[in-house]
C-alpha atoms as a PDB file:
ATOM      1  CA  UNK A   1     -25.197  11.170 -25.965  1.00  0.00           C
ATOM      2  CA  UNK A   2     -27.022  12.271 -22.855  1.00  0.00           C
ATOM      3  CA  UNK A   3     -25.226  14.184 -20.037  1.00  0.00           C
ATOM      4  CA  UNK A   4     -25.471  10.986 -17.870  1.00  0.00           C
ATOM      5  CA  UNK A   5     -23.880   8.917 -20.441  1.00  0.00           C
ATOM      6  CA  UNK A   6     -20.919  11.139 -20.880  1.00  0.00           C
ATOM      7  CA  UNK A   7     -20.540  11.428 -17.169  1.00  0.00           C
ATOM      8  CA  UNK A   8     -20.602   7.439 -16.980  1.00  0.00           C
ATOM      9  CA  UNK A   9     -18.408   7.010 -20.069  1.00  0.00           C
ATOM     10  CA  UNK A  10     -15.309   9.141 -18.428  1.00  0.00           C
ATOM     11  CA  UNK A  11     -15.681   7.013 -15.152  1.00  0.00           C
ATOM     12  CA  UNK A  12     -15.158   3.942 -17.160  1.00  0.00           C
ATOM     13  CA  UNK A  13     -11.583   3.859 -18.404  1.00  0.00           C
ATOM     14  CA  UNK A  14      -9.264   0.863 -19.182  1.00  0.00           C
ATOM     15  CA  UNK A  15      -5.741   2.016 -18.347  1.00  0.00           C
ATOM     16  CA  UNK A  16      -4.304  -1.441 -17.941  1.00  0.00           C
ATOM     17  CA  UNK A  17      -1.129  -0.419 -19.697  1.00  0.00           C
ATOM     18  CA  UNK A  18      -0.594   2.591 -17.610  1.00  0.00           C
ATOM     19  CA  UNK A  19       1.257   3.274 -14.223  1.00  0.00           C
ATOM     20  CA  UNK A  20      -0.038   6.025 -11.916  1.00  0.00           C
ATOM     21  CA  UNK A  21       2.279   7.166  -8.918  1.00  0.00           C
ATOM     22  CA  UNK A  22      -0.273   8.333  -6.157  1.00  0.00           C
ATOM     23  CA  UNK A  23       1.590  10.353  -3.512  1.00  0.00           C
ATOM     24  CA  UNK A  24      -0.599  10.611  -0.456  1.00  0.00           C
ATOM     25  CA  UNK A  25       0.091  10.560   3.285  1.00  0.00           C
ATOM     26  CA  UNK A  26      -3.594  10.357   4.538  1.00  0.00           C
ATOM     27  CA  UNK A  27      -5.267   6.880   4.676  1.00  0.00           C
ATOM     28  CA  UNK A  28      -8.889   8.231   3.812  1.00  0.00           C
ATOM     29  CA  UNK A  29      -7.470   9.924   0.856  1.00  0.00           C
ATOM     30  CA  UNK A  30      -5.695   6.541   0.059  1.00  0.00           C
ATOM     31  CA  UNK A  31      -8.936   4.774   0.048  1.00  0.00           C
ATOM     32  CA  UNK A  32     -10.557   7.273  -2.150  1.00  0.00           C
ATOM     33  CA  UNK A  33      -7.954   6.854  -4.919  1.00  0.00           C
ATOM     34  CA  UNK A  34      -7.936   3.171  -4.478  1.00  0.00           C
ATOM     35  CA  UNK A  35     -11.518   2.946  -4.989  1.00  0.00           C
ATOM     36  CA  UNK A  36     -11.651   5.473  -7.814  1.00  0.00           C
ATOM     37  CA  UNK A  37      -8.626   3.979  -9.872  1.00  0.00           C
ATOM     38  CA  UNK A  38      -9.197   0.144  -9.106  1.00  0.00           C
ATOM     39  CA  UNK A  39     -11.699  -0.236 -11.987  1.00  0.00           C
ATOM     40  CA  UNK A  40      -9.400   1.417 -14.576  1.00  0.00           C
ATOM     41  CA  UNK A  41      -7.007  -1.564 -14.192  1.00  0.00           C
ATOM     42  CA  UNK A  42      -4.125   0.834 -14.088  1.00  0.00           C
ATOM     43  CA  UNK A  43      -1.124  -0.177 -11.872  1.00  0.00           C
ATOM     44  CA  UNK A  44      -0.917   2.121  -8.868  1.00  0.00           C
ATOM     45  CA  UNK A  45       2.208   2.852  -7.042  1.00  0.00           C
ATOM     46  CA  UNK A  46       1.919   4.346  -3.724  1.00  0.00           C
ATOM     47  CA  UNK A  47       4.288   6.820  -1.708  1.00  0.00           C
ATOM     48  CA  UNK A  48       3.595   8.524   1.480  1.00  0.00           C
ATOM     49  CA  UNK A  49       6.209  11.297   1.271  1.00  0.00           C
ATOM     50  CA  UNK A  50       8.114  13.294  -1.290  1.00  0.00           C
ATOM     51  CA  UNK A  51      11.337  11.284  -1.013  1.00  0.00           C
ATOM     52  CA  UNK A  52       9.679   8.080  -1.560  1.00  0.00           C
ATOM     53  CA  UNK A  53       7.610   9.478  -4.380  1.00  0.00           C
ATOM     54  CA  UNK A  54      11.089  10.459  -6.149  1.00  0.00           C
ATOM     55  CA  UNK A  55      12.633   6.906  -5.478  1.00  0.00           C
ATOM     56  CA  UNK A  56       9.763   4.978  -6.805  1.00  0.00           C
ATOM     57  CA  UNK A  57       9.728   7.557  -9.897  1.00  0.00           C
ATOM     58  CA  UNK A  58      13.399   6.573 -10.752  1.00  0.00           C
ATOM     59  CA  UNK A  59      12.719   2.818 -10.286  1.00  0.00           C
ATOM     60  CA  UNK A  60       9.563   2.464 -12.291  1.00  0.00           C
ATOM     61  CA  UNK A  61       8.064   3.579 -15.770  1.00  0.00           C
ATOM     62  CA  UNK A  62       5.445   6.043 -14.537  1.00  0.00           C
ATOM     63  CA  UNK A  63       2.825   7.619 -16.863  1.00  0.00           C
ATOM     64  CA  UNK A  64       1.150   9.958 -14.435  1.00  0.00           C
ATOM     65  CA  UNK A  65       1.787  11.374 -10.876  1.00  0.00           C
ATOM     66  CA  UNK A  66      -1.005  12.411  -8.470  1.00  0.00           C
ATOM     67  CA  UNK A  67       0.912  14.652  -6.096  1.00  0.00           C
ATOM     68  CA  UNK A  68      -0.250  15.575  -2.754  1.00  0.00           C
ATOM     69  CA  UNK A  69       1.602  18.841  -1.693  1.00  0.00           C
ATOM     70  CA  UNK A  70       1.603  18.636   2.199  1.00  0.00           C
ATOM     71  CA  UNK A  71       3.683  15.669   2.882  1.00  0.00           C
ATOM     72  CA  UNK A  72       6.128  14.641   5.467  1.00  0.00           C
ATOM     73  CA  UNK A  73       9.937  14.537   4.920  1.00  0.00           C
ATOM     74  CA  UNK A  74       9.872  16.175   1.594  1.00  0.00           C
ATOM     75  CA  UNK A  75       6.782  18.196   0.247  1.00  0.00           C
ATOM     76  CA  UNK A  76       5.096  17.927  -2.969  1.00  0.00           C
ATOM     77  CA  UNK A  77       6.501  20.944  -4.511  1.00  0.00           C
ATOM     78  CA  UNK A  78      10.000  19.989  -3.991  1.00  0.00           C
ATOM     79  CA  UNK A  79       9.455  16.352  -5.030  1.00  0.00           C
ATOM     80  CA  UNK A  80       7.563  17.790  -8.268  1.00  0.00           C
ATOM     81  CA  UNK A  81      10.737  19.708  -9.148  1.00  0.00           C
ATOM     82  CA  UNK A  82      12.854  16.727  -8.747  1.00  0.00           C
ATOM     83  CA  UNK A  83      10.563  14.394 -10.869  1.00  0.00           C
ATOM     84  CA  UNK A  84      10.474  17.159 -13.679  1.00  0.00           C
ATOM     85  CA  UNK A  85      14.471  17.213 -13.566  1.00  0.00           C
ATOM     86  CA  UNK A  86      14.339  13.428 -14.085  1.00  0.00           C
ATOM     87  CA  UNK A  87      11.559  13.409 -16.893  1.00  0.00           C
ATOM     88  CA  UNK A  88      10.141  16.967 -17.908  1.00  0.00           C
ATOM     89  CA  UNK A  89       7.360  15.253 -19.834  1.00  0.00           C
ATOM     90  CA  UNK A  90       5.723  13.487 -17.138  1.00  0.00           C
ATOM     91  CA  UNK A  91       2.211  15.026 -16.140  1.00  0.00           C
ATOM     92  CA  UNK A  92       2.033  15.794 -12.406  1.00  0.00           C
ATOM     93  CA  UNK A  93      -1.365  16.719 -11.107  1.00  0.00           C
ATOM     94  CA  UNK A  94      -1.345  18.612  -7.800  1.00  0.00           C
ATOM     95  CA  UNK A  95      -3.837  17.646  -5.280  1.00  0.00           C
ATOM     96  CA  UNK A  96      -4.230  19.798  -2.129  1.00  0.00           C
ATOM     97  CA  UNK A  97      -6.765  20.795   0.647  1.00  0.00           C
ATOM     98  CA  UNK A  98      -5.241  24.280   0.480  1.00  0.00           C
ATOM     99  CA  UNK A  99      -7.178  26.179  -2.022  1.00  0.00           C
ATOM    100  CA  UNK A 100      -6.232  29.819  -0.957  1.00  0.00           C
ATOM    101  CA  UNK A 101      -5.460  32.203  -3.820  1.00  0.00           C
ATOM    102  CA  UNK A 102      -1.985  31.742  -5.177  1.00  0.00           C
ATOM    103  CA  UNK A 103      -1.769  27.997  -4.471  1.00  0.00           C
ATOM    104  CA  UNK A 104      -2.552  27.196  -8.108  1.00  0.00           C
ATOM    105  CA  UNK A 105       0.070  29.367  -9.220  1.00  0.00           C
ATOM    106  CA  UNK A 106       2.661  28.057  -6.749  1.00  0.00           C
ATOM    107  CA  UNK A 107       1.513  24.595  -7.965  1.00  0.00           C
ATOM    108  CA  UNK A 108       2.399  25.553 -11.658  1.00  0.00           C
ATOM    109  CA  UNK A 109       5.599  27.251 -10.846  1.00  0.00           C
ATOM    110  CA  UNK A 110       6.860  23.828  -9.129  1.00  0.00           C
ATOM    111  CA  UNK A 111       6.071  22.301 -12.502  1.00  0.00           C
ATOM    112  CA  UNK A 112       2.667  20.701 -11.697  1.00  0.00           C
ATOM    113  CA  UNK A 113       0.573  20.291 -15.042  1.00  0.00           C
ATOM    114  CA  UNK A 114      -2.819  20.465 -13.291  1.00  0.00           C
ATOM    115  CA  UNK A 115      -4.452  20.969 -10.052  1.00  0.00           C
ATOM    116  CA  UNK A 116      -7.382  19.322  -8.047  1.00  0.00           C
ATOM    117  CA  UNK A 117      -8.878  20.767  -4.896  1.00  0.00           C
ATOM    118  CA  UNK A 118      -9.671  18.365  -2.014  1.00  0.00           C
ATOM    119  CA  UNK A 119     -12.279  17.064  -1.452  1.00  0.00           C
ATOM    120  CA  UNK A 120     -11.785  15.518  -4.874  1.00  0.00           C
ATOM    121  CA  UNK A 121     -14.837  14.619  -6.719  1.00  0.00           C
ATOM    122  CA  UNK A 122     -14.851  11.430  -8.648  1.00  0.00           C
ATOM    123  CA  UNK A 123     -16.126  13.079 -11.981  1.00  0.00           C
ATOM    124  CA  UNK A 124     -13.396  15.607 -11.778  1.00  0.00           C
ATOM    125  CA  UNK A 125     -10.468  13.170 -10.926  1.00  0.00           C
ATOM    126  CA  UNK A 126     -11.503  10.797 -13.771  1.00  0.00           C
ATOM    127  CA  UNK A 127     -11.880  13.782 -16.468  1.00  0.00           C
ATOM    128  CA  UNK A 128      -8.517  15.179 -15.444  1.00  0.00           C
ATOM    129  CA  UNK A 129      -6.679  11.780 -15.601  1.00  0.00           C
ATOM    130  CA  UNK A 130      -8.325  11.046 -18.979  1.00  0.00           C
ATOM    131  CA  UNK A 131      -6.870  14.495 -20.286  1.00  0.00           C
ATOM    132  CA  UNK A 132      -3.322  13.104 -19.880  1.00  0.00           C
ATOM    133  CA  UNK A 133      -3.680   9.271 -20.058  1.00  0.00           C
ATOM    134  CA  UNK A 134      -5.967   8.999 -23.093  1.00  0.00           C
ATOM    135  CA  UNK A 135      -3.626  10.872 -25.571  1.00  0.00           C
END
């Protein structure tokens, strides 16, 4: 298998039986996630702040959370802690433009399982999601 074959295969996923909660308040980032995830056939739930994310998480069976950290009303760190109280086993992947040293550690302390730095590359997004959804 060539490198381009392995790259393409991770971009082609069928997660028709999965529900992904995307917590994102910036429209351009929403457009990116929508385009990236549409072909996977996963059900996508959208939240624009941490409080809405917790409400959606409580009301739905979710397989994975993509959590922005800089959010209005309730930040992603607080929302992640709340979600982990409800279900400690749910994978939460932090996504943030703040890539200062210590940020990754802060994410992990809040209960995040993984971390994506913005701008997020499609290949890295799909590889990271595959790690948790293709078990």
